[in-house]
């Protein structure tokens, strides 16, 4: 394990000191798993079957079950695996995975949930959107934005309001790390476990002049169990949602983000 590898107990904002010069076109694919080995057994093989060998891969395990690390060690020992000391939430996991990939010079990172399956090289198709529209900060899918209801997109795929759920999104690393305001770098670490952080990162990109776009062609992913992660919170859902919404609205006022 290299010294630049994110320790599983790391918390807090993205550590910019770990980033290395970008290698043009290099892609990192990170999968976040939380006590859902059955989903990972389908999701990870589909990613590896369709993804290019030169992609960097990583599984970040926020769960506490013993089966997930054992299965990974037995069947996919070649895939780097970080196991957190507890459930540290989606946004900490995103920052830790970003540190891992930025330390390896990735220009693009694709982060997805454990229950997302690829039906083709999803990363290549998403990467093509960045190539076509250089002002892109995030690329997502109609499958994701369609769950939000009133969001629209233009002829270039630019989404308004500029946000997307994070079940399978690709980001430009230079865009995520652009600017001097630490409040707009990578994922804001002031949220709860799983609400509003992906909306926030898209709006942060918007503040820096980057757009969130959908893939305009055929959808190459399937999402098996939407909201399973949220459901795992049980009776904590309302408190988590209320807290994160309050944080988001405060940041929206601070940065002048458009209303949803």
Protein backbone atom coordinates (compact mmCIF):
# COMPACT_ATOMS: atom_id res chain seq x y z
CA UNK A 1 0.00 0.00 0.00
CA UNK A 2 1.49 3.30 -1.06
CA UNK A 3 1.79 6.24 1.33
CA UNK A 4 -0.67 8.25 -0.75
CA UNK A 5 -3.43 5.67 -0.32
CA UNK A 6 -6.34 7.05 1.73
CA UNK A 7 -6.46 5.41 5.14
CA UNK A 8 -9.89 3.92 5.84
CA UNK A 9 -10.27 5.96 9.03
CA UNK A 10 -9.64 9.30 7.33
CA UNK A 11 -12.43 11.82 7.80
CA UNK A 12 -13.05 15.41 6.77
CA UNK A 13 -12.55 17.39 3.58
CA UNK A 14 -10.56 16.28 0.57
CA UNK A 15 -6.80 16.52 1.15
CA UNK A 16 -5.47 18.40 -1.87
CA UNK A 17 -1.88 17.58 -0.93
CA UNK A 18 -2.43 14.00 -2.12
CA UNK A 19 -3.28 14.98 -5.70
CA UNK A 20 -0.67 14.37 -8.38
CA UNK A 21 -0.42 15.84 -11.91
CA UNK A 22 -3.26 14.63 -14.10
CA UNK A 23 -2.60 12.02 -16.76
CA UNK A 24 -4.87 12.94 -19.66
CA UNK A 25 -7.75 10.53 -20.14
CA UNK A 26 -6.99 8.38 -17.09
CA UNK A 27 -10.19 7.09 -15.47
CA UNK A 28 -10.89 5.85 -11.95
CA UNK A 29 -14.01 3.84 -11.07
CA UNK A 30 -15.06 3.71 -7.43
CA UNK A 31 -17.87 1.57 -6.00
CA UNK A 32 -19.40 2.37 -2.61
CA UNK A 33 -20.82 -0.65 -0.77
CA UNK A 34 -22.73 -0.84 2.50
CA UNK A 35 -23.68 -4.29 3.82
CA UNK A 36 -25.02 -5.40 0.43
CA UNK A 37 -22.82 -8.19 -0.87
CA UNK A 38 -25.58 -9.61 -3.07
CA UNK A 39 -25.68 -6.32 -4.99
CA UNK A 40 -21.89 -6.11 -5.22
CA UNK A 41 -21.74 -9.67 -6.61
CA UNK A 42 -23.63 -8.40 -9.66
CA UNK A 43 -22.37 -4.83 -9.85
CA UNK A 44 -18.61 -5.32 -9.63
CA UNK A 45 -18.36 -8.15 -12.21
CA UNK A 46 -20.43 -6.12 -14.69
CA UNK A 47 -18.09 -3.13 -14.27
CA UNK A 48 -14.99 -5.25 -14.77
CA UNK A 49 -16.51 -7.12 -17.71
CA UNK A 50 -17.29 -3.93 -19.65
CA UNK A 51 -14.65 -1.52 -18.35
CA UNK A 52 -11.21 -1.17 -19.88
CA UNK A 53 -8.25 -2.91 -18.19
CA UNK A 54 -6.43 0.42 -17.93
CA UNK A 55 -9.11 1.94 -15.70
CA UNK A 56 -8.27 2.22 -12.02
CA UNK A 57 -10.78 0.45 -9.76
CA UNK A 58 -11.61 0.73 -6.06
CA UNK A 59 -14.24 -0.63 -3.68
CA UNK A 60 -14.95 1.47 -0.59
CA UNK A 61 -16.73 -0.58 2.07
CA UNK A 62 -18.75 1.44 4.58
CA UNK A 63 -20.30 -1.69 6.06
CA UNK A 64 -19.52 -3.94 8.98
CA UNK A 65 -20.33 -7.38 7.60
CA UNK A 66 -17.49 -9.88 7.31
CA UNK A 67 -18.77 -11.42 4.07
CA UNK A 68 -17.93 -8.50 1.75
CA UNK A 69 -14.18 -8.30 2.43
CA UNK A 70 -13.92 -12.09 2.44
CA UNK A 71 -15.65 -12.36 -0.95
CA UNK A 72 -13.49 -9.62 -2.44
CA UNK A 73 -10.31 -11.27 -1.19
CA UNK A 74 -11.38 -14.64 -2.57
CA UNK A 75 -12.64 -13.51 -5.98
CA UNK A 76 -11.32 -10.01 -6.75
CA UNK A 77 -8.09 -9.62 -4.85
CA UNK A 78 -6.76 -7.51 -7.74
CA UNK A 79 -9.28 -4.76 -6.99
CA UNK A 80 -8.13 -2.37 -4.24
CA UNK A 81 -10.48 -2.42 -1.28
CA UNK A 82 -10.82 0.08 1.57
CA UNK A 83 -12.84 -0.94 4.60
CA UNK A 84 -13.98 1.89 6.82
CA UNK A 85 -13.94 1.52 10.60
CA UNK A 86 -17.66 2.39 10.59
CA UNK A 87 -20.27 3.87 8.29
CA UNK A 88 -18.77 7.31 7.63
CA UNK A 89 -21.35 8.28 5.02
CA UNK A 90 -21.40 8.79 1.28
CA UNK A 91 -19.50 12.09 1.20
CA UNK A 92 -16.56 10.94 3.26
CA UNK A 93 -16.35 7.88 1.02
CA UNK A 94 -16.41 10.09 -2.09
CA UNK A 95 -13.57 12.24 -0.74
CA UNK A 96 -11.47 9.24 0.26
CA UNK A 97 -11.97 7.60 -3.14
CA UNK A 98 -11.16 10.89 -4.85
CA UNK A 99 -7.91 11.07 -2.86
CA UNK A 100 -7.05 7.55 -4.00
CA UNK A 101 -7.62 8.34 -7.67
CA UNK A 102 -6.17 11.86 -7.61
CA UNK A 103 -2.99 10.39 -6.11
CA UNK A 104 -2.80 8.19 -9.22
CA UNK A 105 -3.23 11.05 -11.65
CA UNK A 106 -6.78 10.25 -12.78
CA UNK A 107 -8.39 12.97 -14.86
CA UNK A 108 -11.88 11.51 -14.40
CA UNK A 109 -13.56 9.62 -11.59
CA UNK A 110 -16.77 7.61 -11.85
CA UNK A 111 -18.48 6.92 -8.52
CA UNK A 112 -21.41 4.53 -8.29
CA UNK A 113 -23.54 2.58 -5.88
CA UNK A 114 -23.06 -1.14 -5.28
CA UNK A 115 -26.29 -2.04 -7.09
CA UNK A 116 -25.49 -0.35 -10.42
CA UNK A 117 -24.76 -2.74 -13.27
CA UNK A 118 -23.07 -1.86 -16.55
CA UNK A 119 -24.50 -3.07 -19.87
CA UNK A 120 -21.56 -1.63 -21.80
CA UNK A 121 -18.54 0.58 -21.17
CA UNK A 122 -20.42 3.27 -19.27
CA UNK A 123 -17.21 5.14 -18.45
CA UNK A 124 -16.21 5.50 -22.09
CA UNK A 125 -19.61 6.93 -23.05
CA UNK A 126 -19.55 9.38 -20.17
CA UNK A 127 -15.98 10.36 -20.99
CA UNK A 128 -17.11 11.21 -24.54
CA UNK A 129 -19.45 13.87 -23.14
CA UNK A 130 -16.50 15.61 -21.46
CA UNK A 131 -14.57 15.48 -24.73
CA UNK A 132 -17.46 17.02 -26.66
CA UNK A 133 -18.24 19.73 -24.08
CA UNK A 134 -15.10 20.87 -22.20
CA UNK A 135 -17.12 22.99 -19.74
CA UNK A 136 -18.60 19.79 -18.25
CA UNK A 137 -17.92 19.04 -14.59
CA UNK A 138 -20.24 16.09 -14.04
CA UNK A 139 -21.87 13.55 -16.36
CA UNK A 140 -24.90 11.54 -15.31
CA UNK A 141 -27.77 9.56 -16.87
CA UNK A 142 -31.44 10.24 -17.67
CA UNK A 143 -32.14 7.27 -15.40
CA UNK A 144 -30.82 9.37 -12.50
CA UNK A 145 -32.25 12.81 -13.30
CA UNK A 146 -35.62 11.29 -14.17
CA UNK A 147 -36.15 10.48 -10.51
CA UNK A 148 -36.02 14.19 -9.62
CA UNK A 149 -39.17 15.18 -11.53
CA UNK A 150 -38.96 18.75 -12.79
CA UNK A 151 -35.37 18.87 -14.04
CA UNK A 152 -34.82 19.75 -17.70
CA UNK A 153 -31.89 19.44 -20.09
CA UNK A 154 -30.93 21.29 -23.25
CA UNK A 155 -29.60 20.08 -26.60
CA UNK A 156 -26.13 19.58 -25.10
CA UNK A 157 -27.49 17.55 -22.18
CA UNK A 158 -26.91 20.35 -19.65
CA UNK A 159 -29.25 19.84 -16.69
CA UNK A 160 -31.24 22.60 -14.99
CA UNK A 161 -31.16 22.90 -12.05
CA UNK A 162 -27.55 21.69 -12.28
CA UNK A 163 -27.67 18.60 -10.07
CA UNK A 164 -27.95 14.83 -10.17
CA UNK A 165 -28.37 11.96 -7.75
CA UNK A 166 -25.02 10.23 -7.38
CA UNK A 167 -25.91 6.62 -8.10
CA UNK A 168 -23.59 6.65 -11.15
CA UNK A 169 -21.83 9.91 -12.03
CA UNK A 170 -18.50 10.77 -13.62
CA UNK A 171 -16.58 13.88 -12.57
CA UNK A 172 -13.66 15.87 -13.93
CA UNK A 173 -10.97 15.82 -11.24
CA UNK A 174 -9.53 19.20 -12.33
CA UNK A 175 -13.04 20.67 -12.09
CA UNK A 176 -13.62 19.20 -8.62
CA UNK A 177 -10.32 20.66 -7.39
CA UNK A 178 -10.55 24.01 -9.20
CA UNK A 179 -10.58 27.30 -7.32
CA UNK A 180 -9.32 28.66 -4.02
CA UNK A 181 -12.49 28.47 -1.95
CA UNK A 182 -12.19 25.27 0.16
CA UNK A 183 -15.99 25.25 0.46
CA UNK A 184 -16.25 24.45 -3.26
CA UNK A 185 -13.57 21.74 -3.45
CA UNK A 186 -14.71 18.12 -3.84
CA UNK A 187 -17.52 17.01 -1.47
CA UNK A 188 -18.55 19.24 1.43
CA UNK A 189 -18.05 17.28 4.64
CA UNK A 190 -20.72 19.06 6.67
CA UNK A 191 -23.66 16.91 5.62
CA UNK A 192 -25.23 13.85 7.20
CA UNK A 193 -24.67 10.35 5.92
CA UNK A 194 -26.50 10.27 2.60
CA UNK A 195 -28.55 13.37 1.77
CA UNK A 196 -27.78 16.41 -0.42
CA UNK A 197 -24.03 15.87 -0.85
CA UNK A 198 -24.27 15.02 -4.54
CA UNK A 199 -26.57 17.97 -5.21
CA UNK A 200 -24.02 20.13 -3.39
CA UNK A 201 -21.04 18.98 -5.44
CA UNK A 202 -22.91 19.68 -8.69
CA UNK A 203 -23.85 23.17 -7.50
CA UNK A 204 -20.25 23.73 -6.40
CA UNK A 205 -19.14 22.86 -9.92
CA UNK A 206 -21.78 25.27 -11.28
CA UNK A 207 -20.30 28.05 -9.09
CA UNK A 208 -16.97 27.47 -10.84
CA UNK A 209 -18.47 27.54 -14.34
CA UNK A 210 -18.91 23.79 -14.93
CA UNK A 211 -22.11 22.14 -16.10
CA UNK A 212 -23.76 18.86 -15.15
CA UNK A 213 -24.81 16.94 -18.27
CA UNK A 214 -26.67 13.74 -19.03
CA UNK A 215 -25.58 11.16 -21.56
CA UNK A 216 -27.80 11.80 -24.57
CA UNK A 217 -27.41 8.33 -26.07
CA UNK A 218 -28.65 4.92 -24.89
CA UNK A 219 -28.44 4.18 -21.19
CA UNK A 220 -25.70 1.66 -20.41
CA UNK A 221 -26.50 1.15 -16.74
CA UNK A 222 -29.18 -0.48 -14.60
CA UNK A 223 -29.99 0.51 -11.03
CA UNK A 224 -31.22 -2.57 -9.20
CA UNK A 225 -32.41 -1.28 -5.82
CA UNK A 226 -32.90 2.50 -5.65
CA UNK A 227 -33.08 3.95 -2.12
CA UNK A 228 -31.92 0.75 -0.42
CA UNK A 229 -29.11 2.67 1.26
CA UNK A 230 -31.50 5.31 2.56
CA UNK A 231 -33.87 2.63 3.83
CA UNK A 232 -31.02 1.14 5.86
CA UNK A 233 -31.12 4.24 8.08
CA UNK A 234 -34.46 3.16 9.47
CA UNK A 235 -35.86 5.65 11.97
CA UNK A 236 -32.95 8.06 11.38
CA UNK A 237 -34.08 9.02 7.87
CA UNK A 238 -36.10 12.12 8.79
CA UNK A 239 -33.46 13.52 11.14
CA UNK A 240 -30.69 12.94 8.58
CA UNK A 241 -32.74 14.50 5.79
CA UNK A 242 -33.76 17.53 7.85
CA UNK A 243 -30.21 18.22 8.99
CA UNK A 244 -28.72 17.93 5.50
CA UNK A 245 -31.44 20.07 3.95
CA UNK A 246 -30.68 22.81 6.46
CA UNK A 247 -26.97 22.66 5.57
CA UNK A 248 -27.75 22.75 1.86
CA UNK A 249 -30.07 25.74 2.09
CA UNK A 250 -27.47 27.69 4.08
CA UNK A 251 -24.85 26.98 1.43
CA UNK A 252 -27.32 27.82 -1.35
CA UNK A 253 -27.84 31.25 0.18
CA UNK A 254 -24.11 31.77 0.73
CA UNK A 255 -23.12 30.95 -2.86
CA UNK A 256 -26.22 32.22 -4.67
CA UNK A 257 -27.17 28.83 -6.07
CA UNK A 258 -30.44 28.63 -8.05
CA UNK A 259 -33.49 27.24 -6.34
CA UNK A 260 -34.58 23.66 -6.94
